[in-house]
Amino acid sequence: MPEPQRLIVIADADGSVIAATSAAPVENGEVSTTLAPLEGQTMHEVEVPAMLSRSSGEESQVLLDVLGYRLTADRTTLVKKGG
């Protein structure tokens, strides 16, 4: 069974995801990114929800779709906004 996909996300004060990048290790020749929260924002490493990871095989699409999610009150899990 494949390991769960993980993301590094930045959330605003309400827990809405405002930025995300893959938490996978960078391999030789791949692009590396850096995220840094601004004042009032927080950074978290979370597992990609199963429904989101199944919605598209493209990592870039998952990174866009995760913007429609927010963190739970304990800031450990992503849930669909309005859900």
C-alpha atoms as a PDB file:
ATOM      1  CA  MET A   1       0.000   0.000   0.000  1.00  0.00           C
ATOM      2  CA  PRO A   2       1.456   3.415  -0.940  1.00  0.00           C
ATOM      3  CA  GLU A   3       2.400   5.846   1.801  1.00  0.00           C
ATOM      4  CA  PRO A   4      -0.140   8.667   2.328  1.00  0.00           C
ATOM      5  CA  GLN A   5       0.628  11.859   0.433  1.00  0.00           C
ATOM      6  CA  ARG A   6       1.567  14.734   2.735  1.00  0.00           C
ATOM      7  CA  LEU A   7       1.501  18.485   2.219  1.00  0.00           C
ATOM      8  CA  ILE A   8       2.981  21.493   3.935  1.00  0.00           C
ATOM      9  CA  VAL A   9       0.200  24.098   4.154  1.00  0.00           C
ATOM     10  CA  ILE A  10      -0.040  27.667   5.354  1.00  0.00           C
ATOM     11  CA  ALA A  11      -3.348  28.605   6.959  1.00  0.00           C
ATOM     12  CA  ASP A  12      -4.805  31.963   7.891  1.00  0.00           C
ATOM     13  CA  ALA A  13      -6.210  32.726  11.341  1.00  0.00           C
ATOM     14  CA  ASP A  14      -9.519  31.033  10.420  1.00  0.00           C
ATOM     15  CA  GLY A  15      -7.742  27.821   9.362  1.00  0.00           C
ATOM     16  CA  SER A  16      -8.346  28.281   5.613  1.00  0.00           C
ATOM     17  CA  VAL A  17      -5.503  26.938   3.492  1.00  0.00           C
ATOM     18  CA  ILE A  18      -3.899  29.800   1.570  1.00  0.00           C
ATOM     19  CA  ALA A  19      -0.731  28.065   0.260  1.00  0.00           C
ATOM     20  CA  ALA A  20       0.538  24.517  -0.102  1.00  0.00           C
ATOM     21  CA  THR A  21       3.487  22.514  -1.343  1.00  0.00           C
ATOM     22  CA  SER A  22       4.378  18.841  -1.375  1.00  0.00           C
ATOM     23  CA  ALA A  23       6.093  17.464   1.711  1.00  0.00           C
ATOM     24  CA  ALA A  24       7.885  14.839  -0.414  1.00  0.00           C
ATOM     25  CA  PRO A  25      11.674  14.919  -0.318  1.00  0.00           C
ATOM     26  CA  VAL A  26      13.335  16.672  -3.253  1.00  0.00           C
ATOM     27  CA  GLU A  27      15.320  14.441  -5.589  1.00  0.00           C
ATOM     28  CA  ASN A  28      18.334  15.496  -7.669  1.00  0.00           C
ATOM     29  CA  GLY A  29      17.369  17.887 -10.449  1.00  0.00           C
ATOM     30  CA  GLU A  30      13.913  18.686  -9.072  1.00  0.00           C
ATOM     31  CA  VAL A  31      12.744  22.145  -8.082  1.00  0.00           C
ATOM     32  CA  SER A  32      12.723  23.029  -4.401  1.00  0.00           C
ATOM     33  CA  THR A  33      10.254  25.506  -2.872  1.00  0.00           C
ATOM     34  CA  THR A  34      10.080  27.385   0.382  1.00  0.00           C
ATOM     35  CA  LEU A  35       6.973  28.558   2.184  1.00  0.00           C
ATOM     36  CA  ALA A  36       7.006  30.955   5.106  1.00  0.00           C
ATOM     37  CA  PRO A  37       3.953  32.156   7.020  1.00  0.00           C
ATOM     38  CA  LEU A  38       3.330  35.858   7.516  1.00  0.00           C
ATOM     39  CA  GLU A  39       2.108  37.333  10.779  1.00  0.00           C
ATOM     40  CA  GLY A  40      -1.193  35.724  11.784  1.00  0.00           C
ATOM     41  CA  GLN A  41      -0.601  32.668   9.579  1.00  0.00           C
ATOM     42  CA  THR A  42       0.588  29.203  10.628  1.00  0.00           C
ATOM     43  CA  MET A  43       2.363  26.345   8.860  1.00  0.00           C
ATOM     44  CA  HIS A  44       1.378  22.670   9.222  1.00  0.00           C
ATOM     45  CA  GLU A  45       2.271  19.303   7.726  1.00  0.00           C
ATOM     46  CA  VAL A  46      -0.899  17.338   6.964  1.00  0.00           C
ATOM     47  CA  GLU A  47      -2.006  14.228   5.123  1.00  0.00           C
ATOM     48  CA  VAL A  48      -3.894  14.828   1.885  1.00  0.00           C
ATOM     49  CA  PRO A  49      -7.538  13.767   2.406  1.00  0.00           C
ATOM     50  CA  ALA A  50      -8.358  10.572   0.461  1.00  0.00           C
ATOM     51  CA  MET A  51     -11.142  12.273  -1.495  1.00  0.00           C
ATOM     52  CA  LEU A  52      -8.766  15.032  -2.623  1.00  0.00           C
ATOM     53  CA  SER A  53      -5.944  12.683  -3.610  1.00  0.00           C
ATOM     54  CA  ARG A  54      -8.365  10.575  -5.699  1.00  0.00           C
ATOM     55  CA  SER A  55      -9.831  13.597  -7.476  1.00  0.00           C
ATOM     56  CA  SER A  56      -6.802  14.043  -9.708  1.00  0.00           C
ATOM     57  CA  GLY A  57      -3.588  12.222 -10.429  1.00  0.00           C
ATOM     58  CA  GLU A  58      -1.821  15.522 -11.046  1.00  0.00           C
ATOM     59  CA  GLU A  59       0.057  16.963  -8.078  1.00  0.00           C
ATOM     60  CA  SER A  60      -0.437  20.495  -9.412  1.00  0.00           C
ATOM     61  CA  GLN A  61      -4.219  19.991  -9.398  1.00  0.00           C
ATOM     62  CA  VAL A  62      -4.141  18.684  -5.817  1.00  0.00           C
ATOM     63  CA  LEU A  63      -2.199  21.811  -4.786  1.00  0.00           C
ATOM     64  CA  LEU A  64      -4.893  23.995  -6.369  1.00  0.00           C
ATOM     65  CA  ASP A  65      -7.810  21.964  -4.995  1.00  0.00           C
ATOM     66  CA  VAL A  66      -6.447  22.084  -1.428  1.00  0.00           C
ATOM     67  CA  LEU A  67      -7.179  25.829  -1.411  1.00  0.00           C
ATOM     68  CA  GLY A  68     -10.843  24.835  -0.974  1.00  0.00           C
ATOM     69  CA  TYR A  69      -9.976  23.182   2.373  1.00  0.00           C
ATOM     70  CA  ARG A  70      -9.456  24.363   5.926  1.00  0.00           C
ATOM     71  CA  LEU A  71      -7.757  22.904   8.976  1.00  0.00           C
ATOM     72  CA  THR A  72      -9.757  21.322  11.766  1.00  0.00           C
ATOM     73  CA  ALA A  73      -9.712  23.030  15.179  1.00  0.00           C
ATOM     74  CA  ASP A  74      -6.759  20.887  16.285  1.00  0.00           C
ATOM     75  CA  ARG A  75      -4.859  21.989  13.130  1.00  0.00           C
ATOM     76  CA  THR A  76      -3.949  18.407  12.159  1.00  0.00           C
ATOM     77  CA  THR A  77      -6.487  17.496   9.463  1.00  0.00           C
ATOM     78  CA  LEU A  78      -7.863  19.093   6.315  1.00  0.00           C
ATOM     79  CA  VAL A  79     -11.615  19.244   5.670  1.00  0.00           C
ATOM     80  CA  LYS A  80     -13.580  20.703   2.767  1.00  0.00           C
ATOM     81  CA  LYS A  81     -14.704  24.288   3.418  1.00  0.00           C
ATOM     82  CA  GLY A  82     -18.385  24.401   4.241  1.00  0.00           C
ATOM     83  CA  GLY A  83     -18.326  20.680   5.059  1.00  0.00           C
END
